[in-house]
Amino acid sequence: MRKFQRTIENFLCEHCGRAVTGNGYTNHCPDCLYSKHVDIAPGDRAAECGGLMRPVGSELRAGDYFVQHECLRCGFRRKNRVSPGEISALIRLTRSLM
């Protein structure tokens, strides 16, 4: 796998419409946790799919929280770390999946 490439981008969430300010590590909406399938290796923006990636699960590993995304177009799955400010959205997701 190639090395992470930090890419600072702002975007509009295609699921909920929130304007998201990127910091170079942002890859999903902090409100609804949806993402977009744009990377092959994290940060490279080389994926041609471009499908919306819905949050389908969560995980706590070694003190870090992760959200599992699944592409609605091609089925690709990837785990992504969530920031401390996104924990409440992750809890909502986890409850909705129960």
PDB file of N, CA and C in Angstrom:
ATOM      1  N   MET A   1       0.853  -1.182   0.000  1.00  0.00           N
ATOM      2  CA  MET A   1       0.000   0.000   0.000  1.00  0.00           C
ATOM      3  C   MET A   1       0.896   1.242   0.000  1.00  0.00           C
ATOM      4  N   ARG A   2       0.480   2.219  -0.750  1.00  0.00           N
ATOM      5  CA  ARG A   2       1.245   3.470  -0.814  1.00  0.00           C
ATOM      6  C   ARG A   2       1.076   4.279   0.456  1.00  0.00           C
ATOM      7  N   LYS A   3       2.008   5.174   0.697  1.00  0.00           N
ATOM      8  CA  LYS A   3       1.994   6.036   1.869  1.00  0.00           C
ATOM      9  C   LYS A   3       0.823   7.022   1.803  1.00  0.00           C
ATOM     10  N   PHE A   4       0.268   7.336   2.963  1.00  0.00           N
ATOM     11  CA  PHE A   4      -0.821   8.302   3.073  1.00  0.00           C
ATOM     12  C   PHE A   4      -0.425   9.642   2.462  1.00  0.00           C
ATOM     13  N   GLN A   5      -1.346  10.239   1.729  1.00  0.00           N
ATOM     14  CA  GLN A   5      -1.135  11.568   1.150  1.00  0.00           C
ATOM     15  C   GLN A   5      -2.136  12.528   1.778  1.00  0.00           C
ATOM     16  N   ARG A   6      -1.646  13.509   2.494  1.00  0.00           N
ATOM     17  CA  ARG A   6      -2.529  14.495   3.112  1.00  0.00           C
ATOM     18  C   ARG A   6      -3.054  15.432   2.035  1.00  0.00           C
ATOM     19  N   THR A   7      -4.382  15.502   1.929  1.00  0.00           N
ATOM     20  CA  THR A   7      -5.042  16.347   0.940  1.00  0.00           C
ATOM     21  C   THR A   7      -6.073  17.205   1.657  1.00  0.00           C
ATOM     22  N   ILE A   8      -5.849  18.516   1.710  1.00  0.00           N
ATOM     23  CA  ILE A   8      -6.770  19.423   2.397  1.00  0.00           C
ATOM     24  C   ILE A   8      -7.845  19.862   1.412  1.00  0.00           C
ATOM     25  N   GLU A   9      -9.092  19.471   1.707  1.00  0.00           N
ATOM     26  CA  GLU A   9     -10.221  19.816   0.840  1.00  0.00           C
ATOM     27  C   GLU A   9     -11.463  20.073   1.682  1.00  0.00           C
ATOM     28  N   ASN A  10     -12.213  21.067   1.301  1.00  0.00           N
ATOM     29  CA  ASN A  10     -13.544  21.293   1.857  1.00  0.00           C
ATOM     30  C   ASN A  10     -14.528  20.625   0.912  1.00  0.00           C
ATOM     31  N   PHE A  11     -15.672  20.191   1.449  1.00  0.00           N
ATOM     32  CA  PHE A  11     -16.662  19.543   0.590  1.00  0.00           C
ATOM     33  C   PHE A  11     -18.060  19.664   1.168  1.00  0.00           C
ATOM     34  N   LEU A  12     -19.053  19.465   0.316  1.00  0.00           N
ATOM     35  CA  LEU A  12     -20.444  19.365   0.739  1.00  0.00           C
ATOM     36  C   LEU A  12     -20.775  17.891   0.835  1.00  0.00           C
ATOM     37  N   CYS A  13     -21.315  17.476   1.972  1.00  0.00           N
ATOM     38  CA  CYS A  13     -21.697  16.084   2.140  1.00  0.00           C
ATOM     39  C   CYS A  13     -22.826  15.765   1.159  1.00  0.00           C
ATOM     40  N   GLU A  14     -22.632  14.740   0.360  1.00  0.00           N
ATOM     41  CA  GLU A  14     -23.642  14.361  -0.631  1.00  0.00           C
ATOM     42  C   GLU A  14     -24.822  13.632  -0.003  1.00  0.00           C
ATOM     43  N   HIS A  15     -24.706  13.275   1.276  1.00  0.00           N
ATOM     44  CA  HIS A  15     -25.822  12.603   1.945  1.00  0.00           C
ATOM     45  C   HIS A  15     -26.715  13.587   2.700  1.00  0.00           C
ATOM     46  N   CYS A  16     -26.100  14.442   3.554  1.00  0.00           N
ATOM     47  CA  CYS A  16     -26.904  15.346   4.390  1.00  0.00           C
ATOM     48  C   CYS A  16     -26.791  16.812   4.007  1.00  0.00           C
ATOM     49  N   GLY A  17     -25.844  17.161   3.126  1.00  0.00           N
ATOM     50  CA  GLY A  17     -25.709  18.530   2.660  1.00  0.00           C
ATOM     51  C   GLY A  17     -24.854  19.450   3.507  1.00  0.00           C
ATOM     52  N   ARG A  18     -24.268  18.949   4.580  1.00  0.00           N
ATOM     53  CA  ARG A  18     -23.440  19.794   5.445  1.00  0.00           C
ATOM     54  C   ARG A  18     -22.177  20.247   4.711  1.00  0.00           C
ATOM     55  N   ALA A  19     -21.802  21.506   4.926  1.00  0.00           N
ATOM     56  CA  ALA A  19     -20.527  22.018   4.424  1.00  0.00           C
ATOM     57  C   ALA A  19     -19.455  21.588   5.419  1.00  0.00           C
ATOM     58  N   VAL A  20     -18.480  20.818   4.948  1.00  0.00           N
ATOM     59  CA  VAL A  20     -17.435  20.265   5.809  1.00  0.00           C
ATOM     60  C   VAL A  20     -16.108  20.943   5.470  1.00  0.00           C
ATOM     61  N   THR A  21     -15.433  21.439   6.501  1.00  0.00           N
ATOM     62  CA  THR A  21     -14.113  22.035   6.341  1.00  0.00           C
ATOM     63  C   THR A  21     -13.078  20.946   6.586  1.00  0.00           C
ATOM     64  N   GLY A  22     -12.291  20.649   5.566  1.00  0.00           N
ATOM     65  CA  GLY A  22     -11.283  19.602   5.683  1.00  0.00           C
ATOM     66  C   GLY A  22     -10.011  20.089   6.342  1.00  0.00           C
ATOM     67  N   ASN A  23      -9.270  19.157   6.923  1.00  0.00           N
ATOM     68  CA  ASN A  23      -7.997  19.493   7.557  1.00  0.00           C
ATOM     69  C   ASN A  23      -6.840  18.650   7.004  1.00  0.00           C
ATOM     70  N   GLY A  24      -7.101  17.915   5.949  1.00  0.00           N
ATOM     71  CA  GLY A  24      -6.079  17.047   5.374  1.00  0.00           C
ATOM     72  C   GLY A  24      -6.213  15.613   5.823  1.00  0.00           C
ATOM     73  N   TYR A  25      -7.011  15.385   6.846  1.00  0.00           N
ATOM     74  CA  TYR A  25      -7.276  14.033   7.328  1.00  0.00           C
ATOM     75  C   TYR A  25      -8.768  13.720   7.265  1.00  0.00           C
ATOM     76  N   THR A  26      -9.577  14.706   6.890  1.00  0.00           N
ATOM     77  CA  THR A  26     -11.026  14.563   6.844  1.00  0.00           C
ATOM     78  C   THR A  26     -11.434  13.724   5.638  1.00  0.00           C
ATOM     79  N   ASN A  27     -12.175  12.654   5.888  1.00  0.00           N
ATOM     80  CA  ASN A  27     -12.646  11.856   4.759  1.00  0.00           C
ATOM     81  C   ASN A  27     -14.125  11.517   4.859  1.00  0.00           C
ATOM     82  N   HIS A  28     -14.808  12.055   5.886  1.00  0.00           N
ATOM     83  CA  HIS A  28     -16.237  11.796   6.012  1.00  0.00           C
ATOM     84  C   HIS A  28     -16.908  12.969   6.721  1.00  0.00           C
ATOM     85  N   CYS A  29     -18.221  13.018   6.605  1.00  0.00           N
ATOM     86  CA  CYS A  29     -19.013  14.071   7.242  1.00  0.00           C
ATOM     87  C   CYS A  29     -19.067  13.818   8.750  1.00  0.00           C
ATOM     88  N   PRO A  30     -18.789  14.812   9.573  1.00  0.00           N
ATOM     89  CA  PRO A  30     -18.821  14.613  11.018  1.00  0.00           C
ATOM     90  C   PRO A  30     -20.231  14.458  11.584  1.00  0.00           C
ATOM     91  N   ASP A  31     -21.264  14.806  10.815  1.00  0.00           N
ATOM     92  CA  ASP A  31     -22.643  14.672  11.293  1.00  0.00           C
ATOM     93  C   ASP A  31     -23.248  13.310  10.978  1.00  0.00           C
ATOM     94  N   CYS A  32     -23.209  12.913   9.712  1.00  0.00           N
ATOM     95  CA  CYS A  32     -23.861  11.662   9.305  1.00  0.00           C
ATOM     96  C   CYS A  32     -22.860  10.537   9.059  1.00  0.00           C
ATOM     97  N   LEU A  33     -21.567  10.847   9.058  1.00  0.00           N
ATOM     98  CA  LEU A  33     -20.466   9.905   8.876  1.00  0.00           C
ATOM     99  C   LEU A  33     -20.372   9.302   7.471  1.00  0.00           C
ATOM    100  N   TYR A  34     -21.156   9.794   6.517  1.00  0.00           N
ATOM    101  CA  TYR A  34     -21.037   9.313   5.133  1.00  0.00           C
ATOM    102  C   TYR A  34     -19.732   9.829   4.531  1.00  0.00           C
ATOM    103  N   SER A  35     -19.206   9.076   3.588  1.00  0.00           N
ATOM    104  CA  SER A  35     -17.960   9.403   2.916  1.00  0.00           C
ATOM    105  C   SER A  35     -18.171   9.251   1.409  1.00  0.00           C
ATOM    106  N   LYS A  36     -17.104   9.350   0.664  1.00  0.00           N
ATOM    107  CA  LYS A  36     -17.169   9.184  -0.781  1.00  0.00           C
ATOM    108  C   LYS A  36     -15.985   8.323  -1.206  1.00  0.00           C
ATOM    109  N   HIS A  37     -16.204   7.397  -2.115  1.00  0.00           N
ATOM    110  CA  HIS A  37     -15.166   6.477  -2.572  1.00  0.00           C
ATOM    111  C   HIS A  37     -14.290   7.180  -3.610  1.00  0.00           C
ATOM    112  N   VAL A  38     -13.279   7.879  -3.106  1.00  0.00           N
ATOM    113  CA  VAL A  38     -12.385   8.647  -3.983  1.00  0.00           C
ATOM    114  C   VAL A  38     -10.923   8.189  -3.900  1.00  0.00           C
ATOM    115  N   ASP A  39     -10.589   7.355  -2.906  1.00  0.00           N
ATOM    116  CA  ASP A  39      -9.195   6.949  -2.710  1.00  0.00           C
ATOM    117  C   ASP A  39      -8.986   5.459  -2.979  1.00  0.00           C
ATOM    118  N   ILE A  40      -7.823   5.134  -3.529  1.00  0.00           N
ATOM    119  CA  ILE A  40      -7.348   3.756  -3.543  1.00  0.00           C
ATOM    120  C   ILE A  40      -6.483   3.574  -2.297  1.00  0.00           C
ATOM    121  N   ALA A  41      -5.441   4.378  -2.171  1.00  0.00           N
ATOM    122  CA  ALA A  41      -4.668   4.486  -0.938  1.00  0.00           C
ATOM    123  C   ALA A  41      -5.114   5.776  -0.264  1.00  0.00           C
ATOM    124  N   PRO A  42      -5.209   5.798   1.067  1.00  0.00           N
ATOM    125  CA  PRO A  42      -5.721   6.986   1.749  1.00  0.00           C
ATOM    126  C   PRO A  42      -5.071   8.292   1.286  1.00  0.00           C
ATOM    127  N   GLY A  43      -5.925   9.208   0.818  1.00  0.00           N
ATOM    128  CA  GLY A  43      -5.483  10.537   0.413  1.00  0.00           C
ATOM    129  C   GLY A  43      -5.076  10.689  -1.030  1.00  0.00           C
ATOM    130  N   ASP A  44      -5.036   9.605  -1.813  1.00  0.00           N
ATOM    131  CA  ASP A  44      -4.500   9.723  -3.179  1.00  0.00           C
ATOM    132  C   ASP A  44      -5.519  10.222  -4.214  1.00  0.00           C
ATOM    133  N   ARG A  45      -6.798  10.162  -3.922  1.00  0.00           N
ATOM    134  CA  ARG A  45      -7.886  10.593  -4.819  1.00  0.00           C
ATOM    135  C   ARG A  45      -7.810   9.892  -6.180  1.00  0.00           C
ATOM    136  N   ALA A  46      -7.363   8.623  -6.197  1.00  0.00           N
ATOM    137  CA  ALA A  46      -7.150   7.877  -7.431  1.00  0.00           C
ATOM    138  C   ALA A  46      -8.278   6.895  -7.773  1.00  0.00           C
ATOM    139  N   ALA A  47      -9.276   6.739  -6.910  1.00  0.00           N
ATOM    140  CA  ALA A  47     -10.368   5.813  -7.213  1.00  0.00           C
ATOM    141  C   ALA A  47     -11.295   6.424  -8.254  1.00  0.00           C
ATOM    142  N   GLU A  48     -11.665   5.648  -9.233  1.00  0.00           N
ATOM    143  CA  GLU A  48     -12.560   6.120 -10.288  1.00  0.00           C
ATOM    144  C   GLU A  48     -14.027   5.964  -9.919  1.00  0.00           C
ATOM    145  N   CYS A  49     -14.343   5.160  -8.915  1.00  0.00           N
ATOM    146  CA  CYS A  49     -15.720   4.844  -8.562  1.00  0.00           C
ATOM    147  C   CYS A  49     -16.537   6.094  -8.227  1.00  0.00           C
ATOM    148  N   GLY A  50     -16.115   6.844  -7.211  1.00  0.00           N
ATOM    149  CA  GLY A  50     -16.827   8.054  -6.808  1.00  0.00           C
ATOM    150  C   GLY A  50     -18.149   7.822  -6.115  1.00  0.00           C
ATOM    151  N   GLY A  51     -18.449   6.576  -5.736  1.00  0.00           N
ATOM    152  CA  GLY A  51     -19.717   6.272  -5.083  1.00  0.00           C
ATOM    153  C   GLY A  51     -19.787   6.795  -3.660  1.00  0.00           C
ATOM    154  N   LEU A  52     -21.003   6.966  -3.173  1.00  0.00           N
ATOM    155  CA  LEU A  52     -21.242   7.372  -1.801  1.00  0.00           C
ATOM    156  C   LEU A  52     -20.969   6.176  -0.893  1.00  0.00           C
ATOM    157  N   MET A  53     -20.272   6.420   0.204  1.00  0.00           N
ATOM    158  CA  MET A  53     -19.949   5.343   1.140  1.00  0.00           C
ATOM    159  C   MET A  53     -20.720   5.547   2.430  1.00  0.00           C
ATOM    160  N   ARG A  54     -21.605   4.607   2.723  1.00  0.00           N
ATOM    161  CA  ARG A  54     -22.434   4.723   3.924  1.00  0.00           C
ATOM    162  C   ARG A  54     -21.721   4.085   5.107  1.00  0.00           C
ATOM    163  N   PRO A  55     -21.958   4.624   6.306  1.00  0.00           N
ATOM    164  CA  PRO A  55     -21.390   4.015   7.502  1.00  0.00           C
ATOM    165  C   PRO A  55     -22.196   2.760   7.850  1.00  0.00           C
ATOM    166  N   VAL A  56     -21.515   1.639   8.013  1.00  0.00           N
ATOM    167  CA  VAL A  56     -22.205   0.377   8.270  1.00  0.00           C
ATOM    168  C   VAL A  56     -21.776  -0.300   9.564  1.00  0.00           C
ATOM    169  N   GLY A  57     -20.809   0.268  10.264  1.00  0.00           N
ATOM    170  CA  GLY A  57     -20.365  -0.337  11.509  1.00  0.00           C
ATOM    171  C   GLY A  57     -19.378   0.548  12.231  1.00  0.00           C
ATOM    172  N   SER A  58     -19.041   0.128  13.450  1.00  0.00           N
ATOM    173  CA  SER A  58     -18.083   0.879  14.251  1.00  0.00           C
ATOM    174  C   SER A  58     -17.207  -0.097  15.009  1.00  0.00           C
ATOM    175  N   GLU A  59     -16.086   0.406  15.473  1.00  0.00           N
ATOM    176  CA  GLU A  59     -15.124  -0.447  16.166  1.00  0.00           C
ATOM    177  C   GLU A  59     -14.269   0.407  17.098  1.00  0.00           C
ATOM    178  N   LEU A  60     -13.924  -0.159  18.238  1.00  0.00           N
ATOM    179  CA  LEU A  60     -12.963   0.448  19.153  1.00  0.00           C
ATOM    180  C   LEU A  60     -11.751  -0.466  19.157  1.00  0.00           C
ATOM    181  N   ARG A  61     -10.589   0.099  18.791  1.00  0.00           N
ATOM    182  CA  ARG A  61      -9.366  -0.692  18.715  1.00  0.00           C
ATOM    183  C   ARG A  61      -8.221   0.120  19.315  1.00  0.00           C
ATOM    184  N   ALA A  62      -7.616  -0.428  20.349  1.00  0.00           N
ATOM    185  CA  ALA A  62      -6.470   0.200  21.008  1.00  0.00           C
ATOM    186  C   ALA A  62      -6.742   1.654  21.388  1.00  0.00           C
ATOM    187  N   GLY A  63      -7.964   1.929  21.856  1.00  0.00           N
ATOM    188  CA  GLY A  63      -8.317   3.270  22.301  1.00  0.00           C
ATOM    189  C   GLY A  63      -8.764   4.221  21.208  1.00  0.00           C
ATOM    190  N   ASP A  64      -8.758   3.762  19.950  1.00  0.00           N
ATOM    191  CA  ASP A  64      -9.203   4.593  18.830  1.00  0.00           C
ATOM    192  C   ASP A  64     -10.538   4.074  18.295  1.00  0.00           C
ATOM    193  N   TYR A  65     -11.422   5.005  17.939  1.00  0.00           N
ATOM    194  CA  TYR A  65     -12.716   4.645  17.360  1.00  0.00           C
ATOM    195  C   TYR A  65     -12.637   4.705  15.842  1.00  0.00           C
ATOM    196  N   PHE A  66     -13.295   3.737  15.200  1.00  0.00           N
ATOM    197  CA  PHE A  66     -13.311   3.647  13.749  1.00  0.00           C
ATOM    198  C   PHE A  66     -14.739   3.479  13.260  1.00  0.00           C
ATOM    199  N   VAL A  67     -15.015   3.995  12.071  1.00  0.00           N
ATOM    200  CA  VAL A  67     -16.279   3.761  11.389  1.00  0.00           C
ATOM    201  C   VAL A  67     -15.968   2.914  10.158  1.00  0.00           C
ATOM    202  N   GLN A  68     -16.811   1.924   9.907  1.00  0.00           N
ATOM    203  CA  GLN A  68     -16.675   1.077   8.719  1.00  0.00           C
ATOM    204  C   GLN A  68     -17.583   1.661   7.639  1.00  0.00           C
ATOM    205  N   HIS A  69     -17.015   1.931   6.469  1.00  0.00           N
ATOM    206  CA  HIS A  69     -17.785   2.447   5.335  1.00  0.00           C
ATOM    207  C   HIS A  69     -17.920   1.367   4.269  1.00  0.00           C
ATOM    208  N   GLU A  70     -19.055   1.399   3.572  1.00  0.00           N
ATOM    209  CA  GLU A  70     -19.276   0.505   2.431  1.00  0.00           C
ATOM    210  C   GLU A  70     -19.780   1.344   1.261  1.00  0.00           C
ATOM    211  N   CYS A  71     -19.132   1.196   0.107  1.00  0.00           N
ATOM    212  CA  CYS A  71     -19.512   1.957  -1.076  1.00  0.00           C
ATOM    213  C   CYS A  71     -20.840   1.437  -1.617  1.00  0.00           C
ATOM    214  N   LEU A  72     -21.776   2.348  -1.828  1.00  0.00           N
ATOM    215  CA  LEU A  72     -23.085   1.981  -2.356  1.00  0.00           C
ATOM    216  C   LEU A  72     -23.035   1.621  -3.837  1.00  0.00           C
ATOM    217  N   ARG A  73     -21.981   2.000  -4.525  1.00  0.00           N
ATOM    218  CA  ARG A  73     -21.852   1.714  -5.950  1.00  0.00           C
ATOM    219  C   ARG A  73     -21.136   0.378  -6.207  1.00  0.00           C
ATOM    220  N   CYS A  74     -19.992   0.174  -5.556  1.00  0.00           N
ATOM    221  CA  CYS A  74     -19.184  -1.012  -5.887  1.00  0.00           C
ATOM    222  C   CYS A  74     -19.003  -1.997  -4.737  1.00  0.00           C
ATOM    223  N   GLY A  75     -19.421  -1.641  -3.516  1.00  0.00           N
ATOM    224  CA  GLY A  75     -19.319  -2.538  -2.378  1.00  0.00           C
ATOM    225  C   GLY A  75     -17.992  -2.509  -1.631  1.00  0.00           C
ATOM    226  N   PHE A  76     -17.038  -1.683  -2.073  1.00  0.00           N
ATOM    227  CA  PHE A  76     -15.736  -1.572  -1.408  1.00  0.00           C
ATOM    228  C   PHE A  76     -15.940  -1.176   0.051  1.00  0.00           C
ATOM    229  N   ARG A  77     -15.140  -1.756   0.945  1.00  0.00           N
ATOM    230  CA  ARG A  77     -15.225  -1.436   2.379  1.00  0.00           C
ATOM    231  C   ARG A  77     -13.885  -0.923   2.892  1.00  0.00           C
ATOM    232  N   ARG A  78     -13.965   0.026   3.823  1.00  0.00           N
ATOM    233  CA  ARG A  78     -12.755   0.569   4.455  1.00  0.00           C
ATOM    234  C   ARG A  78     -13.121   1.095   5.839  1.00  0.00           C
ATOM    235  N   LYS A  79     -12.197   0.929   6.789  1.00  0.00           N
ATOM    236  CA  LYS A  79     -12.363   1.498   8.130  1.00  0.00           C
ATOM    237  C   LYS A  79     -11.639   2.832   8.167  1.00  0.00           C
ATOM    238  N   ASN A  80     -12.237   3.791   8.862  1.00  0.00           N
ATOM    239  CA  ASN A  80     -11.645   5.118   8.998  1.00  0.00           C
ATOM    240  C   ASN A  80     -11.744   5.573  10.442  1.00  0.00           C
ATOM    241  N   ARG A  81     -10.671   6.149  10.929  1.00  0.00           N
ATOM    242  CA  ARG A  81     -10.640   6.662  12.301  1.00  0.00           C
ATOM    243  C   ARG A  81     -11.586   7.853  12.412  1.00  0.00           C
ATOM    244  N   VAL A  82     -12.262   7.959  13.558  1.00  0.00           N
ATOM    245  CA  VAL A  82     -13.105   9.129  13.814  1.00  0.00           C
ATOM    246  C   VAL A  82     -12.429   9.987  14.867  1.00  0.00           C
ATOM    247  N   SER A  83     -12.630  11.276  14.761  1.00  0.00           N
ATOM    248  CA  SER A  83     -12.034  12.219  15.714  1.00  0.00           C
ATOM    249  C   SER A  83     -12.875  12.247  16.988  1.00  0.00           C
ATOM    250  N   PRO A  84     -12.319  12.726  18.093  1.00  0.00           N
ATOM    251  CA  PRO A  84     -13.080  12.799  19.340  1.00  0.00           C
ATOM    252  C   PRO A  84     -14.392  13.573  19.206  1.00  0.00           C
ATOM    253  N   GLY A  85     -14.434  14.587  18.359  1.00  0.00           N
ATOM    254  CA  GLY A  85     -15.655  15.361  18.167  1.00  0.00           C
ATOM    255  C   GLY A  85     -16.752  14.629  17.409  1.00  0.00           C
ATOM    256  N   GLU A  86     -16.430  13.474  16.848  1.00  0.00           N
ATOM    257  CA  GLU A  86     -17.401  12.694  16.071  1.00  0.00           C
ATOM    258  C   GLU A  86     -17.938  11.490  16.829  1.00  0.00           C
ATOM    259  N   ILE A  87     -17.543  11.333  18.093  1.00  0.00           N
ATOM    260  CA  ILE A  87     -17.948  10.168  18.878  1.00  0.00           C
ATOM    261  C   ILE A  87     -19.467  10.106  19.029  1.00  0.00           C
ATOM    262  N   SER A  88     -20.129  11.253  19.229  1.00  0.00           N
ATOM    263  CA  SER A  88     -21.596  11.228  19.390  1.00  0.00           C
ATOM    264  C   SER A  88     -22.276  10.732  18.112  1.00  0.00           C
ATOM    265  N   ALA A  89     -21.757  11.107  16.945  1.00  0.00           N
ATOM    266  CA  ALA A  89     -22.314  10.603  15.682  1.00  0.00           C
ATOM    267  C   ALA A  89     -22.079   9.103  15.570  1.00  0.00           C
ATOM    268  N   LEU A  90     -20.938   8.628  16.032  1.00  0.00           N
ATOM    269  CA  LEU A  90     -20.635   7.198  15.997  1.00  0.00           C
ATOM    270  C   LEU A  90     -21.560   6.423  16.939  1.00  0.00           C
ATOM    271  N   ILE A  91     -21.860   6.996  18.091  1.00  0.00           N
ATOM    272  CA  ILE A  91     -22.791   6.361  19.031  1.00  0.00           C
ATOM    273  C   ILE A  91     -24.180   6.274  18.412  1.00  0.00           C
ATOM    274  N   ARG A  92     -24.638   7.352  17.762  1.00  0.00           N
ATOM    275  CA  ARG A  92     -25.941   7.324  17.070  1.00  0.00           C
ATOM    276  C   ARG A  92     -25.967   6.226  16.013  1.00  0.00           C
ATOM    277  N   LEU A  93     -24.889   6.129  15.230  1.00  0.00           N
ATOM    278  CA  LEU A  93     -24.804   5.090  14.206  1.00  0.00           C
ATOM    279  C   LEU A  93     -24.895   3.707  14.834  1.00  0.00           C
ATOM    280  N   THR A  94     -24.108   3.470  15.870  1.00  0.00           N
ATOM    281  CA  THR A  94     -24.080   2.166  16.520  1.00  0.00           C
ATOM    282  C   THR A  94     -25.455   1.792  17.057  1.00  0.00           C
ATOM    283  N   ARG A  95     -26.148   2.744  17.669  1.00  0.00           N
ATOM    284  CA  ARG A  95     -27.499   2.481  18.182  1.00  0.00           C
ATOM    285  C   ARG A  95     -28.475   2.169  17.061  1.00  0.00           C
ATOM    286  N   SER A  96     -28.338   2.858  15.937  1.00  0.00           N
ATOM    287  CA  SER A  96     -29.265   2.630  14.824  1.00  0.00           C
ATOM    288  C   SER A  96     -29.045   1.261  14.169  1.00  0.00           C
ATOM    289  N   LEU A  97     -27.853   0.694  14.336  1.00  0.00           N
ATOM    290  CA  LEU A  97     -27.548  -0.599  13.738  1.00  0.00           C
ATOM    291  C   LEU A  97     -27.987  -1.760  14.628  1.00  0.00           C
ATOM    292  N   MET A  98     -28.372  -1.465  15.874  1.00  0.00           N
ATOM    293  CA  MET A  98     -28.774  -2.526  16.814  1.00  0.00           C
ATOM    294  C   MET A  98     -30.206  -2.970  16.575  1.00  0.00           C
TER     295      MET A  98
END
